[in-house]
PDB file of N, CA and C in Angstrom:
ATOM      1  N   MET A   1      97.986 294.789 150.924  1.00  0.00           N
ATOM      2  CA  MET A   1      97.479 295.873 151.767  1.00  0.00           C
ATOM      3  C   MET A   1      96.067 295.551 152.182  1.00  0.00           C
ATOM      4  N   PRO A   2      95.755 295.559 153.479  1.00  0.00           N
ATOM      5  CA  PRO A   2      94.378 295.386 153.905  1.00  0.00           C
ATOM      6  C   PRO A   2      93.484 296.497 153.345  1.00  0.00           C
ATOM      7  N   SER A   3      92.259 296.140 153.024  1.00  0.00           N
ATOM      8  CA  SER A   3      91.376 297.096 152.362  1.00  0.00           C
ATOM      9  C   SER A   3      91.024 298.294 153.228  1.00  0.00           C
ATOM     10  N   ASP A   4      91.147 298.179 154.546  1.00  0.00           N
ATOM     11  CA  ASP A   4      90.802 299.312 155.403  1.00  0.00           C
ATOM     12  C   ASP A   4      91.925 300.339 155.540  1.00  0.00           C
ATOM     13  N   GLU A   5      93.089 300.049 154.996  1.00  0.00           N
ATOM     14  CA  GLU A   5      94.192 301.011 155.056  1.00  0.00           C
ATOM     15  C   GLU A   5      94.150 301.912 153.824  1.00  0.00           C
ATOM     16  N   GLN A   6      93.155 302.767 153.801  1.00  0.00           N
ATOM     17  CA  GLN A   6      93.022 303.730 152.718  1.00  0.00           C
ATOM     18  C   GLN A   6      92.903 305.120 153.307  1.00  0.00           C
ATOM     19  N   CYS A   7      93.078 306.108 152.474  1.00  0.00           N
ATOM     20  CA  CYS A   7      93.131 307.495 152.949  1.00  0.00           C
ATOM     21  C   CYS A   7      91.928 307.872 153.816  1.00  0.00           C
ATOM     22  N   SER A   8      90.718 307.457 153.413  1.00  0.00           N
ATOM     23  CA  SER A   8      89.532 307.859 154.173  1.00  0.00           C
ATOM     24  C   SER A   8      89.537 307.358 155.607  1.00  0.00           C
ATOM     25  N   ASP A   9      90.333 306.346 155.914  1.00  0.00           N
ATOM     26  CA  ASP A   9      90.392 305.793 157.270  1.00  0.00           C
ATOM     27  C   ASP A   9      91.662 306.212 158.025  1.00  0.00           C
ATOM     28  N   CYS A  10      92.463 307.069 157.390  1.00  0.00           N
ATOM     29  CA  CYS A  10      93.733 307.504 157.980  1.00  0.00           C
ATOM     30  C   CYS A  10      93.516 308.724 158.880  1.00  0.00           C
ATOM     31  N   ARG A  11      94.277 308.821 159.916  1.00  0.00           N
ATOM     32  CA  ARG A  11      94.153 309.951 160.835  1.00  0.00           C
ATOM     33  C   ARG A  11      94.569 311.275 160.244  1.00  0.00           C
ATOM     34  N   PHE A  12      95.316 311.272 159.136  1.00  0.00           N
ATOM     35  CA  PHE A  12      95.769 312.504 158.514  1.00  0.00           C
ATOM     36  C   PHE A  12      94.869 312.994 157.393  1.00  0.00           C
ATOM     37  N   PHE A  13      93.806 312.250 157.072  1.00  0.00           N
ATOM     38  CA  PHE A  13      92.889 312.577 155.984  1.00  0.00           C
ATOM     39  C   PHE A  13      91.855 313.602 156.446  1.00  0.00           C
ATOM     40  N   THR A  14      91.689 314.667 155.672  1.00  0.00           N
ATOM     41  CA  THR A  14      90.645 315.654 155.930  1.00  0.00           C
ATOM     42  C   THR A  14      89.710 315.659 154.722  1.00  0.00           C
ATOM     43  N   PRO A  15      88.453 315.187 154.896  1.00  0.00           N
ATOM     44  CA  PRO A  15      87.554 315.140 153.751  1.00  0.00           C
ATOM     45  C   PRO A  15      87.221 316.540 153.252  1.00  0.00           C
ATOM     46  N   MET A  16      87.122 316.689 151.944  1.00  0.00           N
ATOM     47  CA  MET A  16      86.835 317.984 151.337  1.00  0.00           C
ATOM     48  C   MET A  16      85.585 317.943 150.466  1.00  0.00           C
ATOM     49  N   GLY A  17      84.937 316.812 150.311  1.00  0.00           N
ATOM     50  CA  GLY A  17      83.746 316.715 149.489  1.00  0.00           C
ATOM     51  C   GLY A  17      84.005 315.843 148.290  1.00  0.00           C
ATOM     52  N   ASP A  18      83.214 316.041 147.263  1.00  0.00           N
ATOM     53  CA  ASP A  18      83.367 315.257 146.047  1.00  0.00           C
ATOM     54  C   ASP A  18      83.944 316.133 144.942  1.00  0.00           C
ATOM     55  N   ARG A  19      84.949 315.637 144.286  1.00  0.00           N
ATOM     56  CA  ARG A  19      85.649 316.395 143.257  1.00  0.00           C
ATOM     57  C   ARG A  19      84.833 316.415 141.955  1.00  0.00           C
ATOM     58  N   TYR A  20      84.406 315.276 141.474  1.00  0.00           N
ATOM     59  CA  TYR A  20      83.722 315.172 140.200  1.00  0.00           C
ATOM     60  C   TYR A  20      82.294 314.657 140.359  1.00  0.00           C
ATOM     61  N   ALA A  21      82.114 313.774 141.288  1.00  0.00           N
ATOM     62  CA  ALA A  21      80.797 313.166 141.524  1.00  0.00           C
ATOM     63  C   ALA A  21      80.750 312.657 142.952  1.00  0.00           C
ATOM     64  N   PRO A  22      79.535 312.584 143.521  1.00  0.00           N
ATOM     65  CA  PRO A  22      79.413 312.131 144.915  1.00  0.00           C
ATOM     66  C   PRO A  22      80.014 310.758 145.180  1.00  0.00           C
ATOM     67  N   GLU A  23      80.087 309.895 144.174  1.00  0.00           N
ATOM     68  CA  GLU A  23      80.643 308.574 144.407  1.00  0.00           C
ATOM     69  C   GLU A  23      82.167 308.572 144.365  1.00  0.00           C
ATOM     70  N   GLU A  24      82.791 309.733 144.184  1.00  0.00           N
ATOM     71  CA  GLU A  24      84.248 309.833 144.157  1.00  0.00           C
ATOM     72  C   GLU A  24      84.726 310.856 145.188  1.00  0.00           C
ATOM     73  N   PRO A  25      84.562 310.574 146.500  1.00  0.00           N
ATOM     74  CA  PRO A  25      84.991 311.537 147.513  1.00  0.00           C
ATOM     75  C   PRO A  25      86.503 311.718 147.529  1.00  0.00           C
ATOM     76  N   TRP A  26      86.934 312.890 147.967  1.00  0.00           N
ATOM     77  CA  TRP A  26      88.366 313.187 148.038  1.00  0.00           C
ATOM     78  C   TRP A  26      88.628 314.036 149.275  1.00  0.00           C
ATOM     79  N   GLY A  27      89.889 314.309 149.538  1.00  0.00           N
ATOM     80  CA  GLY A  27      90.270 315.128 150.672  1.00  0.00           C
ATOM     81  C   GLY A  27      91.710 315.536 150.576  1.00  0.00           C
ATOM     82  N   GLU A  28      92.252 315.994 151.687  1.00  0.00           N
ATOM     83  CA  GLU A  28      93.644 316.421 151.749  1.00  0.00           C
ATOM     84  C   GLU A  28      94.396 315.545 152.721  1.00  0.00           C
ATOM     85  N   CYS A  29      95.646 315.232 152.395  1.00  0.00           N
ATOM     86  CA  CYS A  29      96.525 314.501 153.295  1.00  0.00           C
ATOM     87  C   CYS A  29      97.295 315.530 154.110  1.00  0.00           C
ATOM     88  N   ARG A  30      97.152 315.482 155.416  1.00  0.00           N
ATOM     89  CA  ARG A  30      97.791 316.464 156.298  1.00  0.00           C
ATOM     90  C   ARG A  30      98.899 315.829 157.154  1.00  0.00           C
ATOM     91  N   LYS A  31      99.531 314.818 156.614  1.00  0.00           N
ATOM     92  CA  LYS A  31     100.645 314.153 157.294  1.00  0.00           C
ATOM     93  C   LYS A  31     101.805 315.115 157.492  1.00  0.00           C
ATOM     94  N   TYR A  32     102.079 315.931 156.479  1.00  0.00           N
ATOM     95  CA  TYR A  32     103.204 316.882 156.525  1.00  0.00           C
ATOM     96  C   TYR A  32     102.683 318.290 156.265  1.00  0.00           C
ATOM     97  N   ALA A  33     103.512 319.262 156.452  1.00  0.00           N
ATOM     98  CA  ALA A  33     103.150 320.670 156.194  1.00  0.00           C
ATOM     99  C   ALA A  33     102.767 320.849 154.725  1.00  0.00           C
ATOM    100  N   PRO A  34     101.932 321.854 154.425  1.00  0.00           N
ATOM    101  CA  PRO A  34     101.557 322.115 153.023  1.00  0.00           C
ATOM    102  C   PRO A  34     102.777 322.437 152.186  1.00  0.00           C
ATOM    103  N   LYS A  35     102.680 322.125 150.920  1.00  0.00           N
ATOM    104  CA  LYS A  35     103.768 322.380 149.960  1.00  0.00           C
ATOM    105  C   LYS A  35     103.480 323.666 149.184  1.00  0.00           C
ATOM    106  N   LEU A  36     104.535 324.392 148.842  1.00  0.00           N
ATOM    107  CA  LEU A  36     104.380 325.600 148.019  1.00  0.00           C
ATOM    108  C   LEU A  36     103.915 325.184 146.625  1.00  0.00           C
ATOM    109  N   LEU A  37     102.992 325.958 146.064  1.00  0.00           N
ATOM    110  CA  LEU A  37     102.503 325.683 144.709  1.00  0.00           C
ATOM    111  C   LEU A  37     103.398 326.376 143.704  1.00  0.00           C
ATOM    112  N   ALA A  38     103.801 325.662 142.667  1.00  0.00           N
ATOM    113  CA  ALA A  38     104.653 326.231 141.628  1.00  0.00           C
ATOM    114  C   ALA A  38     103.961 327.431 140.961  1.00  0.00           C
ATOM    115  N   GLY A  39     104.700 328.513 140.806  1.00  0.00           N
ATOM    116  CA  GLY A  39     104.171 329.704 140.152  1.00  0.00           C
ATOM    117  C   GLY A  39     103.136 330.458 140.967  1.00  0.00           C
ATOM    118  N   SER A  40     103.114 330.236 142.279  1.00  0.00           N
ATOM    119  CA  SER A  40     102.123 330.881 143.128  1.00  0.00           C
ATOM    120  C   SER A  40     102.778 331.244 144.455  1.00  0.00           C
ATOM    121  N   SER A  41     102.138 332.141 145.169  1.00  0.00           N
ATOM    122  CA  SER A  41     102.642 332.477 146.507  1.00  0.00           C
ATOM    123  C   SER A  41     101.910 331.668 147.576  1.00  0.00           C
ATOM    124  N   GLY A  42     101.004 330.768 147.141  1.00  0.00           N
ATOM    125  CA  GLY A  42     100.227 329.969 148.094  1.00  0.00           C
ATOM    126  C   GLY A  42     100.807 328.595 148.302  1.00  0.00           C
ATOM    127  N   SER A  43     100.169 327.859 149.184  1.00  0.00           N
ATOM    128  CA  SER A  43     100.590 326.487 149.468  1.00  0.00           C
ATOM    129  C   SER A  43      99.338 325.627 149.631  1.00  0.00           C
ATOM    130  N   SER A  44      99.528 324.330 149.596  1.00  0.00           N
ATOM    131  CA  SER A  44      98.417 323.410 149.698  1.00  0.00           C
ATOM    132  C   SER A  44      98.880 322.053 150.197  1.00  0.00           C
ATOM    133  N   TRP A  45      97.985 321.338 150.858  1.00  0.00           N
ATOM    134  CA  TRP A  45      98.244 319.948 151.191  1.00  0.00           C
ATOM    135  C   TRP A  45      97.935 319.118 149.949  1.00  0.00           C
ATOM    136  N   PRO A  46      98.521 317.953 149.809  1.00  0.00           N
ATOM    137  CA  PRO A  46      98.243 317.118 148.646  1.00  0.00           C
ATOM    138  C   PRO A  46      96.777 316.677 148.633  1.00  0.00           C
ATOM    139  N   SER A  47      96.156 316.718 147.460  1.00  0.00           N
ATOM    140  CA  SER A  47      94.797 316.203 147.267  1.00  0.00           C
ATOM    141  C   SER A  47      94.879 314.719 147.011  1.00  0.00           C
ATOM    142  N   VAL A  48      94.025 313.948 147.685  1.00  0.00           N
ATOM    143  CA  VAL A  48      93.990 312.491 147.522  1.00  0.00           C
ATOM    144  C   VAL A  48      92.558 312.039 147.391  1.00  0.00           C
ATOM    145  N   ASP A  49      92.350 310.946 146.675  1.00  0.00           N
ATOM    146  CA  ASP A  49      91.034 310.316 146.631  1.00  0.00           C
ATOM    147  C   ASP A  49      90.856 309.513 147.927  1.00  0.00           C
ATOM    148  N   ALA A  50      89.631 309.401 148.393  1.00  0.00           N
ATOM    149  CA  ALA A  50      89.357 308.718 149.648  1.00  0.00           C
ATOM    150  C   ALA A  50      89.814 307.268 149.634  1.00  0.00           C
ATOM    151  N   ASP A  51      89.831 306.632 148.448  1.00  0.00           N
ATOM    152  CA  ASP A  51      90.253 305.231 148.403  1.00  0.00           C
ATOM    153  C   ASP A  51      91.703 305.055 147.999  1.00  0.00           C
ATOM    154  N   ASP A  52      92.490 306.146 147.966  1.00  0.00           N
ATOM    155  CA  ASP A  52      93.933 306.051 147.748  1.00  0.00           C
ATOM    156  C   ASP A  52      94.585 305.447 148.983  1.00  0.00           C
ATOM    157  N   TRP A  53      95.858 305.136 148.892  1.00  0.00           N
ATOM    158  CA  TRP A  53      96.614 304.654 150.038  1.00  0.00           C
ATOM    159  C   TRP A  53      98.082 304.982 149.827  1.00  0.00           C
ATOM    160  N   CYS A  54      98.853 304.905 150.910  1.00  0.00           N
ATOM    161  CA  CYS A  54     100.302 305.093 150.839  1.00  0.00           C
ATOM    162  C   CYS A  54     100.959 304.264 151.923  1.00  0.00           C
ATOM    163  N   GLY A  55     102.249 304.313 152.003  1.00  0.00           N
ATOM    164  CA  GLY A  55     102.972 303.538 152.976  1.00  0.00           C
ATOM    165  C   GLY A  55     103.044 304.176 154.356  1.00  0.00           C
ATOM    166  N   GLU A  56     102.400 305.331 154.542  1.00  0.00           N
ATOM    167  CA  GLU A  56     102.479 306.024 155.829  1.00  0.00           C
ATOM    168  C   GLU A  56     101.130 306.093 156.537  1.00  0.00           C
ATOM    169  N   TYR A  57     100.247 305.173 156.205  1.00  0.00           N
ATOM    170  CA  TYR A  57      98.914 305.110 156.805  1.00  0.00           C
ATOM    171  C   TYR A  57      99.015 304.955 158.320  1.00  0.00           C
ATOM    172  N   GLU A  58      98.179 305.701 159.029  1.00  0.00           N
ATOM    173  CA  GLU A  58      98.032 305.517 160.487  1.00  0.00           C
ATOM    174  C   GLU A  58      96.541 305.529 160.784  1.00  0.00           C
ATOM    175  N   ALA A  59      96.098 304.537 161.518  1.00  0.00           N
ATOM    176  CA  ALA A  59      94.678 304.442 161.854  1.00  0.00           C
ATOM    177  C   ALA A  59      94.211 305.677 162.601  1.00  0.00           C
ATOM    178  N   GLU A  60      92.975 306.030 162.374  1.00  0.00           N
ATOM    179  CA  GLU A  60      92.382 307.182 163.065  1.00  0.00           C
ATOM    180  C   GLU A  60      92.312 306.885 164.560  1.00  0.00           C
ATOM    181  N   ILE A  61      92.594 307.878 165.381  1.00  0.00           N
ATOM    182  CA  ILE A  61      92.559 307.711 166.831  1.00  0.00           C
ATOM    183  C   ILE A  61      91.157 308.050 167.302  1.00  0.00           C
ATOM    184  N   PRO A  62      90.482 307.089 167.939  1.00  0.00           N
ATOM    185  CA  PRO A  62      89.105 307.364 168.389  1.00  0.00           C
ATOM    186  C   PRO A  62      89.096 308.424 169.498  1.00  0.00           C
ATOM    187  N   ILE A  63      88.111 309.278 169.456  1.00  0.00           N
ATOM    188  CA  ILE A  63      87.940 310.308 170.473  1.00  0.00           C
ATOM    189  C   ILE A  63      87.003 309.755 171.522  1.00  0.00           C
ATOM    190  N   LEU A  64      87.488 309.676 172.751  1.00  0.00           N
ATOM    191  CA  LEU A  64      86.698 309.136 173.838  1.00  0.00           C
ATOM    192  C   LEU A  64      85.906 310.253 174.492  1.00  0.00           C
ATOM    193  N   LYS A  65      84.633 310.002 174.701  1.00  0.00           N
ATOM    194  CA  LYS A  65      83.772 310.988 175.367  1.00  0.00           C
ATOM    195  C   LYS A  65      83.741 310.683 176.858  1.00  0.00           C
ATOM    196  N   ALA A  66      83.734 311.739 177.657  1.00  0.00           N
ATOM    197  CA  ALA A  66      83.641 311.580 179.107  1.00  0.00           C
ATOM    198  C   ALA A  66      82.255 311.075 179.471  1.00  0.00           C
ATOM    199  N   PRO A  67      82.155 310.199 180.451  1.00  0.00           N
ATOM    200  CA  PRO A  67      80.839 309.711 180.847  1.00  0.00           C
ATOM    201  C   PRO A  67      80.016 310.863 181.408  1.00  0.00           C
ATOM    202  N   GLN A  68      78.733 310.820 181.138  1.00  0.00           N
ATOM    203  CA  GLN A  68      77.840 311.872 181.645  1.00  0.00           C
ATOM    204  C   GLN A  68      77.099 311.366 182.877  1.00  0.00           C
ATOM    205  N   ASP A  69      76.841 312.296 183.782  1.00  0.00           N
ATOM    206  CA  ASP A  69      76.056 311.950 184.983  1.00  0.00           C
ATOM    207  C   ASP A  69      74.627 311.687 184.564  1.00  0.00           C
ATOM    208  N   PRO A  70      73.956 310.719 185.217  1.00  0.00           N
ATOM    209  CA  PRO A  70      72.559 310.493 184.909  1.00  0.00           C
ATOM    210  C   PRO A  70      71.737 311.707 185.299  1.00  0.00           C
ATOM    211  N   PRO A  71      70.643 311.963 184.567  1.00  0.00           N
ATOM    212  CA  PRO A  71      69.820 313.130 184.904  1.00  0.00           C
ATOM    213  C   PRO A  71      69.194 312.993 186.306  1.00  0.00           C
ATOM    214  N   CYS A  72      69.119 314.122 186.993  1.00  0.00           N
ATOM    215  CA  CYS A  72      68.499 314.131 188.320  1.00  0.00           C
ATOM    216  C   CYS A  72      66.977 314.058 188.157  1.00  0.00           C
ATOM    217  N   GLY A  73      66.370 313.354 189.004  1.00  0.00           N
ATOM    218  CA  GLY A  73      64.977 313.263 188.727  1.00  0.00           C
ATOM    219  C   GLY A  73      64.049 312.925 189.730  1.00  0.00           C
TER     220      GLY A  73
END
């Protein structure tokens, strides 16, 4: 697996901060709908560490900005 194919670089990763320490960032995988939590009426996306990986990685899609007109002057 190439080292850049990790959760933090995946288009479905949503960063949530650091779980235990700043050097261990984590987030949620939003590839699929949230799952119901056992014994609860709530649901959640799976929590993943930023350096985790899976077989469904998709590169983040860059957001292109529209060109701006030069300032009038």
